[in-house]
PDB file of N, CA and C in Angstrom:
ATOM      1  N   MET A   1      68.244  59.088  86.690  1.00  0.00           N
ATOM      2  CA  MET A   1      68.024  59.025  88.114  1.00  0.00           C
ATOM      3  C   MET A   1      69.375  59.024  88.819  1.00  0.00           C
ATOM      4  N   SER A   2      69.497  59.796  89.865  1.00  0.00           N
ATOM      5  CA  SER A   2      70.763  59.882  90.579  1.00  0.00           C
ATOM      6  C   SER A   2      70.945  58.697  91.513  1.00  0.00           C
ATOM      7  N   GLY A   3      72.204  58.366  91.812  1.00  0.00           N
ATOM      8  CA  GLY A   3      72.520  57.274  92.720  1.00  0.00           C
ATOM      9  C   GLY A   3      72.418  57.740  94.161  1.00  0.00           C
ATOM     10  N   GLY A   4      72.895  56.910  95.061  1.00  0.00           N
ATOM     11  CA  GLY A   4      72.911  57.288  96.461  1.00  0.00           C
ATOM     12  C   GLY A   4      71.965  56.450  97.292  1.00  0.00           C
ATOM     13  N   LEU A   5      71.870  56.790  98.554  1.00  0.00           N
ATOM     14  CA  LEU A   5      71.054  56.067  99.513  1.00  0.00           C
ATOM     15  C   LEU A   5      69.574  56.281  99.226  1.00  0.00           C
ATOM     16  N   LYS A   6      68.818  55.212  99.198  1.00  0.00           N
ATOM     17  CA  LYS A   6      67.381  55.280  98.973  1.00  0.00           C
ATOM     18  C   LYS A   6      66.660  54.980 100.271  1.00  0.00           C
ATOM     19  N   LYS A   7      65.472  55.550 100.464  1.00  0.00           N
ATOM     20  CA  LYS A   7      64.669  55.289 101.650  1.00  0.00           C
ATOM     21  C   LYS A   7      63.636  54.223 101.335  1.00  0.00           C
ATOM     22  N   ALA A   8      63.516  53.270 102.241  1.00  0.00           N
ATOM     23  CA  ALA A   8      62.516  52.212 102.074  1.00  0.00           C
ATOM     24  C   ALA A   8      61.139  52.761 102.417  1.00  0.00           C
ATOM     25  N   ALA A   9      60.142  52.311 101.682  1.00  0.00           N
ATOM     26  CA  ALA A   9      58.774  52.755 101.904  1.00  0.00           C
ATOM     27  C   ALA A   9      57.820  51.583 101.683  1.00  0.00           C
ATOM     28  N   VAL A  10      56.599  51.768 102.120  1.00  0.00           N
ATOM     29  CA  VAL A  10      55.548  50.768 101.954  1.00  0.00           C
ATOM     30  C   VAL A  10      54.328  51.440 101.335  1.00  0.00           C
ATOM     31  N   PHE A  11      53.534  50.668 100.632  1.00  0.00           N
ATOM     32  CA  PHE A  11      52.224  51.156 100.215  1.00  0.00           C
ATOM     33  C   PHE A  11      51.252  49.997 100.214  1.00  0.00           C
ATOM     34  N   CYS A  12      49.970  50.316 100.248  1.00  0.00           N
ATOM     35  CA  CYS A  12      48.943  49.299 100.413  1.00  0.00           C
ATOM     36  C   CYS A  12      47.901  49.423  99.313  1.00  0.00           C
ATOM     37  N   LEU A  13      47.642  48.315  98.647  1.00  0.00           N
ATOM     38  CA  LEU A  13      46.548  48.259  97.684  1.00  0.00           C
ATOM     39  C   LEU A  13      45.315  47.780  98.433  1.00  0.00           C
ATOM     40  N   MET A  14      44.408  48.705  98.711  1.00  0.00           N
ATOM     41  CA  MET A  14      43.199  48.397  99.473  1.00  0.00           C
ATOM     42  C   MET A  14      42.039  48.279  98.500  1.00  0.00           C
ATOM     43  N   ARG A  15      41.399  47.115  98.521  1.00  0.00           N
ATOM     44  CA  ARG A  15      40.345  46.827  97.542  1.00  0.00           C
ATOM     45  C   ARG A  15      39.044  46.476  98.258  1.00  0.00           C
ATOM     46  N   SER A  16      37.956  46.954  97.706  1.00  0.00           N
ATOM     47  CA  SER A  16      36.616  46.574  98.143  1.00  0.00           C
ATOM     48  C   SER A  16      35.836  46.253  96.878  1.00  0.00           C
ATOM     49  N   GLY A  17      35.591  44.967  96.659  1.00  0.00           N
ATOM     50  CA  GLY A  17      34.978  44.562  95.394  1.00  0.00           C
ATOM     51  C   GLY A  17      35.915  44.914  94.263  1.00  0.00           C
ATOM     52  N   GLY A  18      35.434  45.643  93.273  1.00  0.00           N
ATOM     53  CA  GLY A  18      36.256  46.048  92.145  1.00  0.00           C
ATOM     54  C   GLY A  18      36.810  47.455  92.277  1.00  0.00           C
ATOM     55  N   ARG A  19      36.735  48.032  93.479  1.00  0.00           N
ATOM     56  CA  ARG A  19      37.194  49.407  93.692  1.00  0.00           C
ATOM     57  C   ARG A  19      38.447  49.423  94.549  1.00  0.00           C
ATOM     58  N   PHE A  20      39.350  50.384  94.261  1.00  0.00           N
ATOM     59  CA  PHE A  20      40.600  50.534  95.010  1.00  0.00           C
ATOM     60  C   PHE A  20      40.636  51.907  95.660  1.00  0.00           C
ATOM     61  N   LEU A  21      41.228  51.975  96.868  1.00  0.00           N
ATOM     62  CA  LEU A  21      41.384  53.243  97.566  1.00  0.00           C
ATOM     63  C   LEU A  21      42.667  53.919  97.102  1.00  0.00           C
ATOM     64  N   LEU A  22      42.544  55.148  96.600  1.00  0.00           N
ATOM     65  CA  LEU A  22      43.694  55.959  96.205  1.00  0.00           C
ATOM     66  C   LEU A  22      43.555  57.325  96.863  1.00  0.00           C
ATOM     67  N   LEU A  23      44.688  57.943  97.159  1.00  0.00           N
ATOM     68  CA  LEU A  23      44.716  59.281  97.734  1.00  0.00           C
ATOM     69  C   LEU A  23      45.344  60.238  96.740  1.00  0.00           C
ATOM     70  N   ARG A  24      44.833  61.473  96.689  1.00  0.00           N
ATOM     71  CA  ARG A  24      45.447  62.467  95.813  1.00  0.00           C
ATOM     72  C   ARG A  24      46.531  63.196  96.585  1.00  0.00           C
ATOM     73  N   ARG A  25      47.765  63.156  96.066  1.00  0.00           N
ATOM     74  CA  ARG A  25      48.920  63.748  96.753  1.00  0.00           C
ATOM     75  C   ARG A  25      48.809  65.264  96.805  1.00  0.00           C
ATOM     76  N   ALA A  26      49.067  65.802  98.004  1.00  0.00           N
ATOM     77  CA  ALA A  26      49.039  67.247  98.199  1.00  0.00           C
ATOM     78  C   ALA A  26      50.424  67.864  98.050  1.00  0.00           C
ATOM     79  N   LYS A  27      51.486  67.027  98.139  1.00  0.00           N
ATOM     80  CA  LYS A  27      52.858  67.537  98.111  1.00  0.00           C
ATOM     81  C   LYS A  27      53.635  66.917  96.954  1.00  0.00           C
ATOM     82  N   GLN A  28      54.755  67.562  96.634  1.00  0.00           N
ATOM     83  CA  GLN A  28      55.697  67.015  95.662  1.00  0.00           C
ATOM     84  C   GLN A  28      56.447  65.862  96.321  1.00  0.00           C
ATOM     85  N   PRO A  29      56.920  64.871  95.667  1.00  0.00           N
ATOM     86  CA  PRO A  29      56.740  64.692  94.227  1.00  0.00           C
ATOM     87  C   PRO A  29      55.344  64.134  93.918  1.00  0.00           C
ATOM     88  N   ASN A  30      54.964  64.189  92.709  1.00  0.00           N
ATOM     89  CA  ASN A  30      53.684  63.653  92.223  1.00  0.00           C
ATOM     90  C   ASN A  30      52.462  64.386  92.757  1.00  0.00           C
ATOM     91  N   GLN A  31      52.602  65.668  93.080  1.00  0.00           N
ATOM     92  CA  GLN A  31      51.478  66.453  93.578  1.00  0.00           C
ATOM     93  C   GLN A  31      50.310  66.383  92.600  1.00  0.00           C
ATOM     94  N   GLY A  32      49.113  66.149  93.142  1.00  0.00           N
ATOM     95  CA  GLY A  32      47.896  66.085  92.332  1.00  0.00           C
ATOM     96  C   GLY A  32      47.622  64.724  91.729  1.00  0.00           C
ATOM     97  N   LYS A  33      48.566  63.807  91.806  1.00  0.00           N
ATOM     98  CA  LYS A  33      48.367  62.467  91.255  1.00  0.00           C
ATOM     99  C   LYS A  33      47.773  61.548  92.314  1.00  0.00           C
ATOM    100  N   TYR A  34      47.087  60.515  91.858  1.00  0.00           N
ATOM    101  CA  TYR A  34      46.482  59.541  92.750  1.00  0.00           C
ATOM    102  C   TYR A  34      47.450  58.391  93.011  1.00  0.00           C
ATOM    103  N   VAL A  35      47.617  58.059  94.299  1.00  0.00           N
ATOM    104  CA  VAL A  35      48.554  57.018  94.720  1.00  0.00           C
ATOM    105  C   VAL A  35      47.899  56.178  95.819  1.00  0.00           C
ATOM    106  N   PRO A  36      48.383  54.943  96.000  1.00  0.00           N
ATOM    107  CA  PRO A  36      47.880  54.157  97.131  1.00  0.00           C
ATOM    108  C   PRO A  36      48.421  54.727  98.443  1.00  0.00           C
ATOM    109  N   PRO A  37      47.698  54.551  99.552  1.00  0.00           N
ATOM    110  CA  PRO A  37      48.204  55.042 100.831  1.00  0.00           C
ATOM    111  C   PRO A  37      49.475  54.313 101.245  1.00  0.00           C
ATOM    112  N   GLY A  38      50.367  55.022 101.918  1.00  0.00           N
ATOM    113  CA  GLY A  38      51.619  54.446 102.391  1.00  0.00           C
ATOM    114  C   GLY A  38      52.620  55.534 102.679  1.00  0.00           C
ATOM    115  N   GLY A  39      53.864  55.130 102.950  1.00  0.00           N
ATOM    116  CA  GLY A  39      54.897  56.110 103.237  1.00  0.00           C
ATOM    117  C   GLY A  39      56.192  55.457 103.661  1.00  0.00           C
ATOM    118  N   LYS A  40      57.106  56.276 104.155  1.00  0.00           N
ATOM    119  CA  LYS A  40      58.448  55.819 104.509  1.00  0.00           C
ATOM    120  C   LYS A  40      58.442  54.980 105.787  1.00  0.00           C
ATOM    121  N   ILE A  41      59.388  54.044 105.841  1.00  0.00           N
ATOM    122  CA  ILE A  41      59.577  53.206 107.020  1.00  0.00           C
ATOM    123  C   ILE A  41      60.534  53.936 107.960  1.00  0.00           C
ATOM    124  N   ASP A  42      60.139  54.080 109.225  1.00  0.00           N
ATOM    125  CA  ASP A  42      61.007  54.719 110.218  1.00  0.00           C
ATOM    126  C   ASP A  42      62.175  53.793 110.565  1.00  0.00           C
ATOM    127  N   PRO A  43      63.289  54.373 111.055  1.00  0.00           N
ATOM    128  CA  PRO A  43      64.422  53.536 111.450  1.00  0.00           C
ATOM    129  C   PRO A  43      64.003  52.467 112.467  1.00  0.00           C
ATOM    130  N   HIS A  44      64.446  51.246 112.271  1.00  0.00           N
ATOM    131  CA  HIS A  44      64.193  50.099 113.152  1.00  0.00           C
ATOM    132  C   HIS A  44      62.725  49.655 113.176  1.00  0.00           C
ATOM    133  N   GLU A  45      61.918  50.135 112.250  1.00  0.00           N
ATOM    134  CA  GLU A  45      60.502  49.756 112.183  1.00  0.00           C
ATOM    135  C   GLU A  45      60.336  48.604 111.205  1.00  0.00           C
ATOM    136  N   LYS A  46      59.512  47.652 111.547  1.00  0.00           N
ATOM    137  CA  LYS A  46      59.211  46.542 110.643  1.00  0.00           C
ATOM    138  C   LYS A  46      58.300  47.059 109.531  1.00  0.00           C
ATOM    139  N   PRO A  47      58.476  46.582 108.293  1.00  0.00           N
ATOM    140  CA  PRO A  47      57.629  47.056 107.199  1.00  0.00           C
ATOM    141  C   PRO A  47      56.129  46.890 107.468  1.00  0.00           C
ATOM    142  N   ALA A  48      55.716  45.761 108.034  1.00  0.00           N
ATOM    143  CA  ALA A  48      54.285  45.558 108.316  1.00  0.00           C
ATOM    144  C   ALA A  48      53.777  46.575 109.334  1.00  0.00           C
ATOM    145  N   ASP A  49      54.601  46.900 110.349  1.00  0.00           N
ATOM    146  CA  ASP A  49      54.212  47.904 111.337  1.00  0.00           C
ATOM    147  C   ASP A  49      54.122  49.290 110.696  1.00  0.00           C
ATOM    148  N   ALA A  50      55.057  49.588 109.794  1.00  0.00           N
ATOM    149  CA  ALA A  50      55.027  50.873 109.089  1.00  0.00           C
ATOM    150  C   ALA A  50      53.759  50.996 108.248  1.00  0.00           C
ATOM    151  N   LEU A  51      53.376  49.909 107.611  1.00  0.00           N
ATOM    152  CA  LEU A  51      52.173  49.935 106.781  1.00  0.00           C
ATOM    153  C   LEU A  51      50.927  50.199 107.618  1.00  0.00           C
ATOM    154  N   VAL A  52      50.789  49.495 108.732  1.00  0.00           N
ATOM    155  CA  VAL A  52      49.636  49.702 109.621  1.00  0.00           C
ATOM    156  C   VAL A  52      49.604  51.155 110.102  1.00  0.00           C
ATOM    157  N   ARG A  53      50.773  51.692 110.492  1.00  0.00           N
ATOM    158  CA  ARG A  53      50.860  53.079 110.965  1.00  0.00           C
ATOM    159  C   ARG A  53      50.490  54.073 109.871  1.00  0.00           C
ATOM    160  N   GLU A  54      51.054  53.895 108.686  1.00  0.00           N
ATOM    161  CA  GLU A  54      50.782  54.824 107.581  1.00  0.00           C
ATOM    162  C   GLU A  54      49.308  54.808 107.182  1.00  0.00           C
ATOM    163  N   ILE A  55      48.700  53.636 107.134  1.00  0.00           N
ATOM    164  CA  ILE A  55      47.272  53.555 106.784  1.00  0.00           C
ATOM    165  C   ILE A  55      46.444  54.305 107.823  1.00  0.00           C
ATOM    166  N   ARG A  56      46.776  54.116 109.109  1.00  0.00           N
ATOM    167  CA  ARG A  56      46.045  54.816 110.176  1.00  0.00           C
ATOM    168  C   ARG A  56      46.232  56.326 110.054  1.00  0.00           C
ATOM    169  N   GLU A  57      47.480  56.789 109.814  1.00  0.00           N
ATOM    170  CA  GLU A  57      47.759  58.219 109.717  1.00  0.00           C
ATOM    171  C   GLU A  57      47.069  58.852 108.514  1.00  0.00           C
ATOM    172  N   GLU A  58      47.063  58.159 107.383  1.00  0.00           N
ATOM    173  CA  GLU A  58      46.569  58.764 106.140  1.00  0.00           C
ATOM    174  C   GLU A  58      45.071  58.586 105.927  1.00  0.00           C
ATOM    175  N   THR A  59      44.483  57.535 106.479  1.00  0.00           N
ATOM    176  CA  THR A  59      43.069  57.264 106.203  1.00  0.00           C
ATOM    177  C   THR A  59      42.200  57.189 107.454  1.00  0.00           C
ATOM    178  N   GLY A  60      42.821  56.998 108.631  1.00  0.00           N
ATOM    179  CA  GLY A  60      42.055  56.796 109.852  1.00  0.00           C
ATOM    180  C   GLY A  60      41.592  55.355 110.021  1.00  0.00           C
ATOM    181  N   MET A  61      41.887  54.509 109.037  1.00  0.00           N
ATOM    182  CA  MET A  61      41.488  53.105 109.096  1.00  0.00           C
ATOM    183  C   MET A  61      42.524  52.293 109.867  1.00  0.00           C
ATOM    184  N   ILE A  62      42.047  51.293 110.599  1.00  0.00           N
ATOM    185  CA  ILE A  62      42.938  50.398 111.328  1.00  0.00           C
ATOM    186  C   ILE A  62      42.892  49.039 110.640  1.00  0.00           C
ATOM    187  N   ILE A  63      44.048  48.591 110.150  1.00  0.00           N
ATOM    188  CA  ILE A  63      44.128  47.294 109.484  1.00  0.00           C
ATOM    189  C   ILE A  63      44.985  46.359 110.327  1.00  0.00           C
ATOM    190  N   SER A  64      44.816  45.075 110.103  1.00  0.00           N
ATOM    191  CA  SER A  64      45.647  44.093 110.778  1.00  0.00           C
ATOM    192  C   SER A  64      45.984  42.979 109.796  1.00  0.00           C
ATOM    193  N   ASN A  65      47.102  42.334 110.027  1.00  0.00           N
ATOM    194  CA  ASN A  65      47.547  41.218 109.198  1.00  0.00           C
ATOM    195  C   ASN A  65      47.597  41.533 107.704  1.00  0.00           C
ATOM    196  N   PRO A  66      48.323  42.601 107.314  1.00  0.00           N
ATOM    197  CA  PRO A  66      48.433  42.880 105.868  1.00  0.00           C
ATOM    198  C   PRO A  66      49.153  41.732 105.161  1.00  0.00           C
ATOM    199  N   THR A  67      48.790  41.512 103.912  1.00  0.00           N
ATOM    200  CA  THR A  67      49.382  40.440 103.100  1.00  0.00           C
ATOM    201  C   THR A  67      50.481  41.030 102.230  1.00  0.00           C
ATOM    202  N   PHE A  68      51.684  40.455 102.332  1.00  0.00           N
ATOM    203  CA  PHE A  68      52.807  40.889 101.509  1.00  0.00           C
ATOM    204  C   PHE A  68      52.588  40.413 100.072  1.00  0.00           C
ATOM    205  N   CYS A  69      52.723  41.332  99.112  1.00  0.00           N
ATOM    206  CA  CYS A  69      52.483  40.992  97.712  1.00  0.00           C
ATOM    207  C   CYS A  69      53.713  41.096  96.843  1.00  0.00           C
ATOM    208  N   GLY A  70      54.743  41.818  97.251  1.00  0.00           N
ATOM    209  CA  GLY A  70      55.930  41.923  96.422  1.00  0.00           C
ATOM    210  C   GLY A  70      56.774  43.130  96.731  1.00  0.00           C
ATOM    211  N   VAL A  71      57.820  43.292  95.935  1.00  0.00           N
ATOM    212  CA  VAL A  71      58.773  44.393  96.103  1.00  0.00           C
ATOM    213  C   VAL A  71      58.776  45.211  94.822  1.00  0.00           C
ATOM    214  N   LEU A  72      58.761  46.519  94.961  1.00  0.00           N
ATOM    215  CA  LEU A  72      58.829  47.436  93.830  1.00  0.00           C
ATOM    216  C   LEU A  72      60.109  48.254  93.979  1.00  0.00           C
ATOM    217  N   THR A  73      60.938  48.256  92.935  1.00  0.00           N
ATOM    218  CA  THR A  73      62.173  49.033  93.006  1.00  0.00           C
ATOM    219  C   THR A  73      62.176  50.108  91.943  1.00  0.00           C
TER     220      THR A  73
END
C-alpha cells in the first residue's frame, strides 16, 4: 500500500433483526462487492453529519443520532 494523505470516511452498519443493509458497489474500487452505506467526509464536516448525509444520498433513508462504534484503519 502506498503512503501519502488518506481521506477520512464513514460507514454505517444498519441492522434490522438479524439482517444488515449492504449496497453493491457500481464503481471501482471494489466494484460488484457488497459494502455498508457510507462515504467520504467533506472538508469541515463532522463525521456524524457526514454519515447522516451519506445514508440519505445512498439509500433515501433519514437517520438521527447514529451510535459511534469504532475506528477502522
